Amino acid sequence: MAAKAELDTIFTVAYQGKIDDNFVDDIVKTVTSYGGEVLFVQLSAPETVLTERVGNKSRSDLNLSKMTDPAHLKEALHPGMYESVKYPGILKLDTSELEPDSAARQIVQHFQL
C-alpha cells in the first residue's frame, strides 16, 4: 500500500454523493493511520461540457476504461454527483474554465505542494 510505503499518490474517484461516503472514509482512515494526508480536489464542469468531452477520441485512445458514450454519461449523471465529500478544505475547480496544466498549477499552489 502506498501510504504504508510513504509514497505520494493521486487517487481519483467519481464521487456519487452519500453512497460513497463509507468508501471515502475508509480511504482517509487508511492513509491517515500511516501518517499520510488526504487532500481533496473536486473537479467539475457543466453537463454540456462533460457531454462534449466524453466523446473525444483521446478518451478511448488512452484505454483507461473511461466513459466514451454520451448516452451512457446522460444515464450516469445524477444530482448527487455535484455534492462534495464531507471533509473540510476541499479545493473546487470548474475545469470548463481551465486548461489541465492550469488546474494542476492551482492544485499545487493551493495545497503548497
PDB file of N, CA and C in Angstrom:
ATOM      1  N   MET A   1       0.838  -1.181   0.000  1.00  0.00           N
ATOM      2  CA  MET A   1       0.000   0.000   0.000  1.00  0.00           C
ATOM      3  C   MET A   1       0.877   1.236   0.000  1.00  0.00           C
ATOM      4  N   ALA A   2       0.481   2.245  -0.761  1.00  0.00           N
ATOM      5  CA  ALA A   2       1.261   3.477  -0.930  1.00  0.00           C
ATOM      6  C   ALA A   2       1.452   4.214   0.398  1.00  0.00           C
ATOM      7  N   ALA A   3       0.403   4.318   1.203  1.00  0.00           N
ATOM      8  CA  ALA A   3       0.510   5.060   2.462  1.00  0.00           C
ATOM      9  C   ALA A   3       1.532   4.404   3.390  1.00  0.00           C
ATOM     10  N   LYS A   4       1.522   3.105   3.469  1.00  0.00           N
ATOM     11  CA  LYS A   4       2.456   2.385   4.330  1.00  0.00           C
ATOM     12  C   LYS A   4       3.892   2.561   3.832  1.00  0.00           C
ATOM     13  N   ALA A   5       4.059   2.626   2.531  1.00  0.00           N
ATOM     14  CA  ALA A   5       5.382   2.797   1.928  1.00  0.00           C
ATOM     15  C   ALA A   5       5.790   4.272   1.845  1.00  0.00           C
ATOM     16  N   GLU A   6       4.943   5.165   2.367  1.00  0.00           N
ATOM     17  CA  GLU A   6       5.191   6.608   2.369  1.00  0.00           C
ATOM     18  C   GLU A   6       5.375   7.168   0.963  1.00  0.00           C
ATOM     19  N   LEU A   7       4.550   6.692   0.037  1.00  0.00           N
ATOM     20  CA  LEU A   7       4.580   7.177  -1.341  1.00  0.00           C
ATOM     21  C   LEU A   7       3.455   8.183  -1.563  1.00  0.00           C
ATOM     22  N   ASP A   8       3.764   9.262  -2.250  1.00  0.00           N
ATOM     23  CA  ASP A   8       2.721  10.207  -2.642  1.00  0.00           C
ATOM     24  C   ASP A   8       1.882   9.564  -3.734  1.00  0.00           C
ATOM     25  N   THR A   9       0.579   9.733  -3.633  1.00  0.00           N
ATOM     26  CA  THR A   9      -0.329   9.082  -4.575  1.00  0.00           C
ATOM     27  C   THR A   9      -1.460  10.027  -4.959  1.00  0.00           C
ATOM     28  N   ILE A  10      -1.830   9.979  -6.214  1.00  0.00           N
ATOM     29  CA  ILE A  10      -3.026  10.688  -6.671  1.00  0.00           C
ATOM     30  C   ILE A  10      -4.075   9.613  -6.941  1.00  0.00           C
ATOM     31  N   PHE A  11      -5.215   9.786  -6.325  1.00  0.00           N
ATOM     32  CA  PHE A  11      -6.294   8.812  -6.429  1.00  0.00           C
ATOM     33  C   PHE A  11      -7.535   9.552  -6.888  1.00  0.00           C
ATOM     34  N   THR A  12      -8.187   9.053  -7.905  1.00  0.00           N
ATOM     35  CA  THR A  12      -9.397   9.709  -8.402  1.00  0.00           C
ATOM     36  C   THR A  12     -10.609   8.808  -8.238  1.00  0.00           C
ATOM     37  N   VAL A  13     -11.737   9.442  -8.024  1.00  0.00           N
ATOM     38  CA  VAL A  13     -12.995   8.714  -7.930  1.00  0.00           C
ATOM     39  C   VAL A  13     -14.113   9.643  -8.396  1.00  0.00           C
ATOM     40  N   ALA A  14     -15.053   9.082  -9.087  1.00  0.00           N
ATOM     41  CA  ALA A  14     -16.240   9.849  -9.477  1.00  0.00           C
ATOM     42  C   ALA A  14     -17.222   9.759  -8.313  1.00  0.00           C
ATOM     43  N   TYR A  15     -17.051  10.660  -7.354  1.00  0.00           N
ATOM     44  CA  TYR A  15     -17.856  10.668  -6.135  1.00  0.00           C
ATOM     45  C   TYR A  15     -19.336  10.785  -6.476  1.00  0.00           C
ATOM     46  N   GLN A  16     -20.133   9.893  -5.903  1.00  0.00           N
ATOM     47  CA  GLN A  16     -21.556   9.842  -6.216  1.00  0.00           C
ATOM     48  C   GLN A  16     -22.429  10.245  -5.033  1.00  0.00           C
ATOM     49  N   GLY A  17     -21.907  11.085  -4.185  1.00  0.00           N
ATOM     50  CA  GLY A  17     -22.699  11.533  -3.050  1.00  0.00           C
ATOM     51  C   GLY A  17     -22.611  10.562  -1.888  1.00  0.00           C
ATOM     52  N   LYS A  18     -23.584  10.613  -1.046  1.00  0.00           N
ATOM     53  CA  LYS A  18     -23.568   9.873   0.217  1.00  0.00           C
ATOM     54  C   LYS A  18     -23.319   8.369   0.069  1.00  0.00           C
ATOM     55  N   ILE A  19     -23.666   7.804  -1.074  1.00  0.00           N
ATOM     56  CA  ILE A  19     -23.459   6.354  -1.231  1.00  0.00           C
ATOM     57  C   ILE A  19     -21.971   5.999  -1.246  1.00  0.00           C
ATOM     58  N   ASP A  20     -21.100   6.982  -1.487  1.00  0.00           N
ATOM     59  CA  ASP A  20     -19.660   6.734  -1.494  1.00  0.00           C
ATOM     60  C   ASP A  20     -18.967   7.141  -0.196  1.00  0.00           C
ATOM     61  N   ASP A  21     -19.716   7.665   0.767  1.00  0.00           N
ATOM     62  CA  ASP A  21     -19.086   8.171   1.985  1.00  0.00           C
ATOM     63  C   ASP A  21     -18.295   7.112   2.745  1.00  0.00           C
ATOM     64  N   ASN A  22     -18.815   5.908   2.878  1.00  0.00           N
ATOM     65  CA  ASN A  22     -18.073   4.869   3.602  1.00  0.00           C
ATOM     66  C   ASN A  22     -16.764   4.530   2.900  1.00  0.00           C
ATOM     67  N   PHE A  23     -16.796   4.475   1.588  1.00  0.00           N
ATOM     68  CA  PHE A  23     -15.591   4.198   0.800  1.00  0.00           C
ATOM     69  C   PHE A  23     -14.555   5.300   1.031  1.00  0.00           C
ATOM     70  N   VAL A  24     -14.985   6.553   0.945  1.00  0.00           N
ATOM     71  CA  VAL A  24     -14.072   7.683   1.150  1.00  0.00           C
ATOM     72  C   VAL A  24     -13.536   7.662   2.580  1.00  0.00           C
ATOM     73  N   ASP A  25     -14.405   7.409   3.553  1.00  0.00           N
ATOM     74  CA  ASP A  25     -13.962   7.324   4.949  1.00  0.00           C
ATOM     75  C   ASP A  25     -12.892   6.255   5.128  1.00  0.00           C
ATOM     76  N   ASP A  26     -13.076   5.109   4.492  1.00  0.00           N
ATOM     77  CA  ASP A  26     -12.095   4.022   4.593  1.00  0.00           C
ATOM     78  C   ASP A  26     -10.740   4.442   4.020  1.00  0.00           C
ATOM     79  N   ILE A  27     -10.758   5.143   2.900  1.00  0.00           N
ATOM     80  CA  ILE A  27      -9.513   5.623   2.291  1.00  0.00           C
ATOM     81  C   ILE A  27      -8.817   6.594   3.238  1.00  0.00           C
ATOM     82  N   VAL A  28      -9.579   7.553   3.770  1.00  0.00           N
ATOM     83  CA  VAL A  28      -9.000   8.550   4.674  1.00  0.00           C
ATOM     84  C   VAL A  28      -8.423   7.879   5.918  1.00  0.00           C
ATOM     85  N   LYS A  29      -9.163   6.964   6.517  1.00  0.00           N
ATOM     86  CA  LYS A  29      -8.685   6.276   7.725  1.00  0.00           C
ATOM     87  C   LYS A  29      -7.413   5.490   7.443  1.00  0.00           C
ATOM     88  N   THR A  30      -7.372   4.807   6.318  1.00  0.00           N
ATOM     89  CA  THR A  30      -6.190   4.012   5.976  1.00  0.00           C
ATOM     90  C   THR A  30      -4.974   4.903   5.779  1.00  0.00           C
ATOM     91  N   VAL A  31      -5.122   5.941   4.997  1.00  0.00           N
ATOM     92  CA  VAL A  31      -3.993   6.836   4.708  1.00  0.00           C
ATOM     93  C   VAL A  31      -3.515   7.521   5.982  1.00  0.00           C
ATOM     94  N   THR A  32      -4.440   8.076   6.757  1.00  0.00           N
ATOM     95  CA  THR A  32      -4.024   8.801   7.963  1.00  0.00           C
ATOM     96  C   THR A  32      -3.472   7.876   9.034  1.00  0.00           C
ATOM     97  N   SER A  33      -3.888   6.619   9.040  1.00  0.00           N
ATOM     98  CA  SER A  33      -3.352   5.677  10.032  1.00  0.00           C
ATOM     99  C   SER A  33      -1.863   5.418   9.830  1.00  0.00           C
ATOM    100  N   TYR A  34      -1.365   5.681   8.632  1.00  0.00           N
ATOM    101  CA  TYR A  34       0.060   5.543   8.338  1.00  0.00           C
ATOM    102  C   TYR A  34       0.772   6.898   8.311  1.00  0.00           C
ATOM    103  N   GLY A  35       0.096   7.921   8.843  1.00  0.00           N
ATOM    104  CA  GLY A  35       0.701   9.242   8.897  1.00  0.00           C
ATOM    105  C   GLY A  35       0.561  10.049   7.624  1.00  0.00           C
ATOM    106  N   GLY A  36      -0.214   9.547   6.681  1.00  0.00           N
ATOM    107  CA  GLY A  36      -0.418  10.255   5.418  1.00  0.00           C
ATOM    108  C   GLY A  36      -1.463  11.346   5.545  1.00  0.00           C
ATOM    109  N   GLU A  37      -1.574  12.119   4.508  1.00  0.00           N
ATOM    110  CA  GLU A  37      -2.528  13.214   4.460  1.00  0.00           C
ATOM    111  C   GLU A  37      -3.369  13.081   3.194  1.00  0.00           C
ATOM    112  N   VAL A  38      -4.653  13.339   3.319  1.00  0.00           N
ATOM    113  CA  VAL A  38      -5.553  13.284   2.175  1.00  0.00           C
ATOM    114  C   VAL A  38      -5.994  14.706   1.855  1.00  0.00           C
ATOM    115  N   LEU A  39      -5.787  15.108   0.607  1.00  0.00           N
ATOM    116  CA  LEU A  39      -6.168  16.429   0.140  1.00  0.00           C
ATOM    117  C   LEU A  39      -7.228  16.252  -0.939  1.00  0.00           C
ATOM    118  N   PHE A  40      -8.368  16.906  -0.768  1.00  0.00           N
ATOM    119  CA  PHE A  40      -9.479  16.712  -1.690  1.00  0.00           C
ATOM    120  C   PHE A  40      -9.566  17.840  -2.710  1.00  0.00           C
ATOM    121  N   VAL A  41      -9.758  17.439  -3.956  1.00  0.00           N
ATOM    122  CA  VAL A  41      -9.996  18.376  -5.047  1.00  0.00           C
ATOM    123  C   VAL A  41     -11.249  17.895  -5.769  1.00  0.00           C
ATOM    124  N   GLN A  42     -12.198  18.788  -5.933  1.00  0.00           N
ATOM    125  CA  GLN A  42     -13.413  18.455  -6.677  1.00  0.00           C
ATOM    126  C   GLN A  42     -13.337  19.147  -8.027  1.00  0.00           C
ATOM    127  N   LEU A  43     -13.212  18.349  -9.074  1.00  0.00           N
ATOM    128  CA  LEU A  43     -13.205  18.861 -10.437  1.00  0.00           C
ATOM    129  C   LEU A  43     -14.609  18.727 -11.001  1.00  0.00           C
ATOM    130  N   SER A  44     -15.111  19.795 -11.581  1.00  0.00           N
ATOM    131  CA  SER A  44     -16.462  19.752 -12.140  1.00  0.00           C
ATOM    132  C   SER A  44     -16.506  20.539 -13.437  1.00  0.00           C
ATOM    133  N   ALA A  45     -17.581  20.333 -14.151  1.00  0.00           N
ATOM    134  CA  ALA A  45     -17.859  21.074 -15.386  1.00  0.00           C
ATOM    135  C   ALA A  45     -19.353  20.926 -15.659  1.00  0.00           C
ATOM    136  N   PRO A  46     -19.929  21.891 -16.358  1.00  0.00           N
ATOM    137  CA  PRO A  46     -21.347  21.774 -16.704  1.00  0.00           C
ATOM    138  C   PRO A  46     -21.608  20.532 -17.568  1.00  0.00           C
ATOM    139  N   GLU A  47     -22.823  20.038 -17.492  1.00  0.00           N
ATOM    140  CA  GLU A  47     -23.201  18.829 -18.232  1.00  0.00           C
ATOM    141  C   GLU A  47     -22.905  18.954 -19.724  1.00  0.00           C
ATOM    142  N   THR A  48     -23.116  20.119 -20.295  1.00  0.00           N
ATOM    143  CA  THR A  48     -22.855  20.302 -21.730  1.00  0.00           C
ATOM    144  C   THR A  48     -21.381  20.080 -22.060  1.00  0.00           C
ATOM    145  N   VAL A  49     -20.513  20.547 -21.190  1.00  0.00           N
ATOM    146  CA  VAL A  49     -19.069  20.383 -21.396  1.00  0.00           C
ATOM    147  C   VAL A  49     -18.689  18.907 -21.223  1.00  0.00           C
ATOM    148  N   LEU A  50     -19.238  18.264 -20.202  1.00  0.00           N
ATOM    149  CA  LEU A  50     -18.954  16.839 -19.985  1.00  0.00           C
ATOM    150  C   LEU A  50     -19.393  16.012 -21.191  1.00  0.00           C
ATOM    151  N   THR A  51     -20.551  16.348 -21.740  1.00  0.00           N
ATOM    152  CA  THR A  51     -21.064  15.623 -22.903  1.00  0.00           C
ATOM    153  C   THR A  51     -20.140  15.792 -24.099  1.00  0.00           C
ATOM    154  N   GLU A  52     -19.629  16.999 -24.296  1.00  0.00           N
ATOM    155  CA  GLU A  52     -18.673  17.227 -25.387  1.00  0.00           C
ATOM    156  C   GLU A  52     -17.399  16.405 -25.187  1.00  0.00           C
ATOM    157  N   ARG A  53     -16.912  16.405 -23.964  1.00  0.00           N
ATOM    158  CA  ARG A  53     -15.635  15.737 -23.665  1.00  0.00           C
ATOM    159  C   ARG A  53     -15.717  14.221 -23.752  1.00  0.00           C
ATOM    160  N   VAL A  54     -16.831  13.652 -23.334  1.00  0.00           N
ATOM    161  CA  VAL A  54     -16.922  12.194 -23.218  1.00  0.00           C
ATOM    162  C   VAL A  54     -16.742  11.496 -24.561  1.00  0.00           C
ATOM    163  N   GLY A  55     -17.093  12.177 -25.626  1.00  0.00           N
ATOM    164  CA  GLY A  55     -16.952  11.577 -26.949  1.00  0.00           C
ATOM    165  C   GLY A  55     -15.599  11.809 -27.603  1.00  0.00           C
ATOM    166  N   ASN A  56     -14.705  12.539 -26.936  1.00  0.00           N
ATOM    167  CA  ASN A  56     -13.387  12.817 -27.514  1.00  0.00           C
ATOM    168  C   ASN A  56     -12.599  11.539 -27.750  1.00  0.00           C
ATOM    169  N   LYS A  57     -11.978  11.459 -28.909  1.00  0.00           N
ATOM    170  CA  LYS A  57     -11.180  10.284 -29.269  1.00  0.00           C
ATOM    171  C   LYS A  57     -10.056  10.047 -28.259  1.00  0.00           C
ATOM    172  N   SER A  58      -9.532  11.106 -27.680  1.00  0.00           N
ATOM    173  CA  SER A  58      -8.420  10.964 -26.728  1.00  0.00           C
ATOM    174  C   SER A  58      -8.805  10.091 -25.536  1.00  0.00           C
ATOM    175  N   ARG A  59     -10.076  10.088 -25.151  1.00  0.00           N
ATOM    176  CA  ARG A  59     -10.511   9.264 -24.014  1.00  0.00           C
ATOM    177  C   ARG A  59     -10.394   7.779 -24.340  1.00  0.00           C
ATOM    178  N   SER A  60     -10.793   7.392 -25.548  1.00  0.00           N
ATOM    179  CA  SER A  60     -10.706   5.975 -25.915  1.00  0.00           C
ATOM    180  C   SER A  60      -9.281   5.589 -26.279  1.00  0.00           C
ATOM    181  N   ASP A  61      -8.502   6.528 -26.800  1.00  0.00           N
ATOM    182  CA  ASP A  61      -7.109   6.240 -27.153  1.00  0.00           C
ATOM    183  C   ASP A  61      -6.276   5.873 -25.932  1.00  0.00           C
ATOM    184  N   LEU A  62      -6.617   6.413 -24.771  1.00  0.00           N
ATOM    185  CA  LEU A  62      -5.855   6.139 -23.558  1.00  0.00           C
ATOM    186  C   LEU A  62      -6.086   4.733 -23.032  1.00  0.00           C
ATOM    187  N   ASN A  63      -7.188   4.118 -23.430  1.00  0.00           N
ATOM    188  CA  ASN A  63      -7.521   2.758 -22.999  1.00  0.00           C
ATOM    189  C   ASN A  63      -7.514   2.626 -21.471  1.00  0.00           C
ATOM    190  N   LEU A  64      -8.160   3.576 -20.803  1.00  0.00           N
ATOM    191  CA  LEU A  64      -8.208   3.582 -19.338  1.00  0.00           C
ATOM    192  C   LEU A  64      -9.600   3.271 -18.800  1.00  0.00           C
ATOM    193  N   SER A  65     -10.397   2.625 -19.574  1.00  0.00           N
ATOM    194  CA  SER A  65     -11.766   2.294 -19.171  1.00  0.00           C
ATOM    195  C   SER A  65     -12.575   3.536 -18.837  1.00  0.00           C
ATOM    196  N   LYS A  66     -12.301   4.625 -19.535  1.00  0.00           N
ATOM    197  CA  LYS A  66     -13.073   5.848 -19.322  1.00  0.00           C
ATOM    198  C   LYS A  66     -14.357   5.780 -20.136  1.00  0.00           C
ATOM    199  N   MET A  67     -15.375   6.437 -19.619  1.00  0.00           N
ATOM    200  CA  MET A  67     -16.640   6.510 -20.320  1.00  0.00           C
ATOM    201  C   MET A  67     -16.437   7.268 -21.633  1.00  0.00           C
ATOM    202  N   THR A  68     -16.976   6.724 -22.712  1.00  0.00           N
ATOM    203  CA  THR A  68     -16.810   7.353 -24.023  1.00  0.00           C
ATOM    204  C   THR A  68     -18.130   7.569 -24.765  1.00  0.00           C
ATOM    205  N   ASP A  69     -19.219   7.145 -24.188  1.00  0.00           N
ATOM    206  CA  ASP A  69     -20.531   7.231 -24.842  1.00  0.00           C
ATOM    207  C   ASP A  69     -21.381   8.327 -24.195  1.00  0.00           C
ATOM    208  N   PRO A  70     -21.704   9.394 -24.940  1.00  0.00           N
ATOM    209  CA  PRO A  70     -22.535  10.460 -24.373  1.00  0.00           C
ATOM    210  C   PRO A  70     -23.867   9.963 -23.809  1.00  0.00           C
ATOM    211  N   ALA A  71     -24.462   8.962 -24.425  1.00  0.00           N
ATOM    212  CA  ALA A  71     -25.727   8.421 -23.919  1.00  0.00           C
ATOM    213  C   ALA A  71     -25.529   7.771 -22.548  1.00  0.00           C
ATOM    214  N   HIS A  72     -24.421   7.072 -22.382  1.00  0.00           N
ATOM    215  CA  HIS A  72     -24.114   6.436 -21.094  1.00  0.00           C
ATOM    216  C   HIS A  72     -23.866   7.509 -20.032  1.00  0.00           C
ATOM    217  N   LEU A  73     -23.196   8.593 -20.421  1.00  0.00           N
ATOM    218  CA  LEU A  73     -22.967   9.695 -19.487  1.00  0.00           C
ATOM    219  C   LEU A  73     -24.290  10.255 -18.997  1.00  0.00           C
ATOM    220  N   LYS A  74     -25.209  10.483 -19.921  1.00  0.00           N
ATOM    221  CA  LYS A  74     -26.516  11.046 -19.544  1.00  0.00           C
ATOM    222  C   LYS A  74     -27.223  10.149 -18.526  1.00  0.00           C
ATOM    223  N   GLU A  75     -27.103   8.837 -18.701  1.00  0.00           N
ATOM    224  CA  GLU A  75     -27.698   7.890 -17.747  1.00  0.00           C
ATOM    225  C   GLU A  75     -27.000   7.960 -16.386  1.00  0.00           C
ATOM    226  N   ALA A  76     -25.693   8.216 -16.402  1.00  0.00           N
ATOM    227  CA  ALA A  76     -24.897   8.197 -15.173  1.00  0.00           C
ATOM    228  C   ALA A  76     -25.022   9.485 -14.358  1.00  0.00           C
ATOM    229  N   LEU A  77     -25.376  10.576 -15.028  1.00  0.00           N
ATOM    230  CA  LEU A  77     -25.479  11.852 -14.318  1.00  0.00           C
ATOM    231  C   LEU A  77     -26.660  11.818 -13.357  1.00  0.00           C
ATOM    232  N   HIS A  78     -26.437  12.337 -12.163  1.00  0.00           N
ATOM    233  CA  HIS A  78     -27.490  12.406 -11.160  1.00  0.00           C
ATOM    234  C   HIS A  78     -27.186  13.573 -10.224  1.00  0.00           C
ATOM    235  N   PRO A  79     -28.172  14.067  -9.502  1.00  0.00           N
ATOM    236  CA  PRO A  79     -27.957  15.241  -8.644  1.00  0.00           C
ATOM    237  C   PRO A  79     -26.822  15.072  -7.635  1.00  0.00           C
ATOM    238  N   GLY A  80     -26.632  13.894  -7.092  1.00  0.00           N
ATOM    239  CA  GLY A  80     -25.602  13.660  -6.082  1.00  0.00           C
ATOM    240  C   GLY A  80     -24.183  13.811  -6.588  1.00  0.00           C
ATOM    241  N   MET A  81     -24.010  13.765  -7.897  1.00  0.00           N
ATOM    242  CA  MET A  81     -22.655  13.827  -8.434  1.00  0.00           C
ATOM    243  C   MET A  81     -22.006  15.186  -8.235  1.00  0.00           C
ATOM    244  N   TYR A  82     -22.778  16.193  -7.921  1.00  0.00           N
ATOM    245  CA  TYR A  82     -22.222  17.528  -7.708  1.00  0.00           C
ATOM    246  C   TYR A  82     -22.022  17.844  -6.226  1.00  0.00           C
ATOM    247  N   GLU A  83     -22.278  16.859  -5.379  1.00  0.00           N
ATOM    248  CA  GLU A  83     -22.029  17.036  -3.950  1.00  0.00           C
ATOM    249  C   GLU A  83     -20.526  16.933  -3.693  1.00  0.00           C
ATOM    250  N   SER A  84     -20.105  17.485  -2.564  1.00  0.00           N
ATOM    251  CA  SER A  84     -18.715  17.383  -2.155  1.00  0.00           C
ATOM    252  C   SER A  84     -18.590  16.391  -1.017  1.00  0.00           C
ATOM    253  N   VAL A  85     -17.434  15.784  -0.888  1.00  0.00           N
ATOM    254  CA  VAL A  85     -17.193  14.928   0.267  1.00  0.00           C
ATOM    255  C   VAL A  85     -17.313  15.786   1.518  1.00  0.00           C
ATOM    256  N   LYS A  86     -17.534  15.148   2.642  1.00  0.00           N
ATOM    257  CA  LYS A  86     -17.826  15.881   3.876  1.00  0.00           C
ATOM    258  C   LYS A  86     -16.588  16.406   4.591  1.00  0.00           C
ATOM    259  N   TYR A  87     -15.429  16.252   3.997  1.00  0.00           N
ATOM    260  CA  TYR A  87     -14.193  16.692   4.635  1.00  0.00           C
ATOM    261  C   TYR A  87     -13.911  18.161   4.329  1.00  0.00           C
ATOM    262  N   PRO A  88     -13.299  18.872   5.283  1.00  0.00           N
ATOM    263  CA  PRO A  88     -13.016  20.295   5.070  1.00  0.00           C
ATOM    264  C   PRO A  88     -11.826  20.504   4.129  1.00  0.00           C
ATOM    265  N   GLY A  89     -11.698  21.720   3.657  1.00  0.00           N
ATOM    266  CA  GLY A  89     -10.533  22.096   2.875  1.00  0.00           C
ATOM    267  C   GLY A  89     -10.550  21.643   1.431  1.00  0.00           C
ATOM    268  N   ILE A  90     -11.719  21.390   0.901  1.00  0.00           N
ATOM    269  CA  ILE A  90     -11.822  20.922  -0.480  1.00  0.00           C
ATOM    270  C   ILE A  90     -11.545  22.078  -1.435  1.00  0.00           C
ATOM    271  N   LEU A  91     -10.694  21.842  -2.400  1.00  0.00           N
ATOM    272  CA  LEU A  91     -10.466  22.795  -3.475  1.00  0.00           C
ATOM    273  C   LEU A  91     -11.429  22.428  -4.596  1.00  0.00           C
ATOM    274  N   LYS A  92     -12.241  23.380  -5.016  1.00  0.00           N
ATOM    275  CA  LYS A  92     -13.213  23.127  -6.084  1.00  0.00           C
ATOM    276  C   LYS A  92     -12.793  23.896  -7.325  1.00  0.00           C
ATOM    277  N   LEU A  93     -12.657  23.170  -8.440  1.00  0.00           N
ATOM    278  CA  LEU A  93     -12.264  23.783  -9.703  1.00  0.00           C
ATOM    279  C   LEU A  93     -13.257  23.417 -10.796  1.00  0.00           C
ATOM    280  N   ASP A  94     -13.688  24.420 -11.530  1.00  0.00           N
ATOM    281  CA  ASP A  94     -14.535  24.197 -12.697  1.00  0.00           C
ATOM    282  C   ASP A  94     -13.590  24.051 -13.887  1.00  0.00           C
ATOM    283  N   THR A  95     -13.450  22.839 -14.368  1.00  0.00           N
ATOM    284  CA  THR A  95     -12.485  22.577 -15.438  1.00  0.00           C
ATOM    285  C   THR A  95     -12.960  23.034 -16.807  1.00  0.00           C
ATOM    286  N   SER A  96     -14.196  23.524 -16.890  1.00  0.00           N
ATOM    287  CA  SER A  96     -14.639  24.084 -18.164  1.00  0.00           C
ATOM    288  C   SER A  96     -13.958  25.421 -18.410  1.00  0.00           C
ATOM    289  N   GLU A  97     -13.405  25.999 -17.366  1.00  0.00           N
ATOM    290  CA  GLU A  97     -12.753  27.301 -17.450  1.00  0.00           C
ATOM    291  C   GLU A  97     -11.230  27.209 -17.378  1.00  0.00           C
ATOM    292  N   LEU A  98     -10.703  26.016 -17.273  1.00  0.00           N
ATOM    293  CA  LEU A  98      -9.266  25.835 -17.073  1.00  0.00           C
ATOM    294  C   LEU A  98      -8.685  24.799 -18.017  1.00  0.00           C
ATOM    295  N   GLU A  99      -7.489  25.050 -18.472  1.00  0.00           N
ATOM    296  CA  GLU A  99      -6.726  24.026 -19.183  1.00  0.00           C
ATOM    297  C   GLU A  99      -6.152  23.088 -18.121  1.00  0.00           C
ATOM    298  N   PRO A 100      -5.890  21.822 -18.467  1.00  0.00           N
ATOM    299  CA  PRO A 100      -5.374  20.880 -17.475  1.00  0.00           C
ATOM    300  C   PRO A 100      -4.127  21.362 -16.737  1.00  0.00           C
ATOM    301  N   ASP A 101      -3.168  21.972 -17.447  1.00  0.00           N
ATOM    302  CA  ASP A 101      -1.947  22.416 -16.771  1.00  0.00           C
ATOM    303  C   ASP A 101      -2.235  23.558 -15.798  1.00  0.00           C
ATOM    304  N   SER A 102      -3.196  24.396 -16.109  1.00  0.00           N
ATOM    305  CA  SER A 102      -3.582  25.480 -15.215  1.00  0.00           C
ATOM    306  C   SER A 102      -4.264  24.922 -13.959  1.00  0.00           C
ATOM    307  N   ALA A 103      -5.120  23.937 -14.140  1.00  0.00           N
ATOM    308  CA  ALA A 103      -5.771  23.295 -12.990  1.00  0.00           C
ATOM    309  C   ALA A 103      -4.722  22.647 -12.096  1.00  0.00           C
ATOM    310  N   ALA A 104      -3.751  21.968 -12.686  1.00  0.00           N
ATOM    311  CA  ALA A 104      -2.685  21.326 -11.904  1.00  0.00           C
ATOM    312  C   ALA A 104      -1.894  22.365 -11.112  1.00  0.00           C
ATOM    313  N   ARG A 105      -1.574  23.496 -11.748  1.00  0.00           N
ATOM    314  CA  ARG A 105      -0.841  24.562 -11.050  1.00  0.00           C
ATOM    315  C   ARG A 105      -1.652  25.106  -9.873  1.00  0.00           C
ATOM    316  N   GLN A 106      -2.950  25.258 -10.068  1.00  0.00           N
ATOM    317  CA  GLN A 106      -3.793  25.760  -8.970  1.00  0.00           C
ATOM    318  C   GLN A 106      -3.821  24.780  -7.802  1.00  0.00           C
ATOM    319  N   ILE A 107      -3.851  23.498  -8.110  1.00  0.00           N
ATOM    320  CA  ILE A 107      -3.837  22.477  -7.046  1.00  0.00           C
ATOM    321  C   ILE A 107      -2.520  22.554  -6.280  1.00  0.00           C
ATOM    322  N   VAL A 108      -1.418  22.615  -6.994  1.00  0.00           N
ATOM    323  CA  VAL A 108      -0.097  22.690  -6.367  1.00  0.00           C
ATOM    324  C   VAL A 108       0.000  23.936  -5.492  1.00  0.00           C
ATOM    325  N   GLN A 109      -0.437  25.064  -6.006  1.00  0.00           N
ATOM    326  CA  GLN A 109      -0.367  26.316  -5.245  1.00  0.00           C
ATOM    327  C   GLN A 109      -1.276  26.289  -4.023  1.00  0.00           C
ATOM    328  N   HIS A 110      -2.510  25.811  -4.200  1.00  0.00           N
ATOM    329  CA  HIS A 110      -3.479  25.793  -3.118  1.00  0.00           C
ATOM    330  C   HIS A 110      -2.988  24.960  -1.930  1.00  0.00           C
ATOM    331  N   PHE A 111      -2.444  23.795  -2.237  1.00  0.00           N
ATOM    332  CA  PHE A 111      -2.007  22.881  -1.176  1.00  0.00           C
ATOM    333  C   PHE A 111      -0.523  23.025  -0.834  1.00  0.00           C
ATOM    334  N   GLN A 112       0.140  23.984  -1.494  1.00  0.00           N
ATOM    335  CA  GLN A 112       1.562  24.241  -1.261  1.00  0.00           C
ATOM    336  C   GLN A 112       2.388  22.962  -1.410  1.00  0.00           C
ATOM    337  N   LEU A 113       2.197  22.303  -2.530  1.00  0.00           N
ATOM    338  CA  LEU A 113       2.903  21.044  -2.793  1.00  0.00           C
ATOM    339  C   LEU A 113       4.240  21.296  -3.478  1.00  0.00           C
TER     340      LEU A 113
END
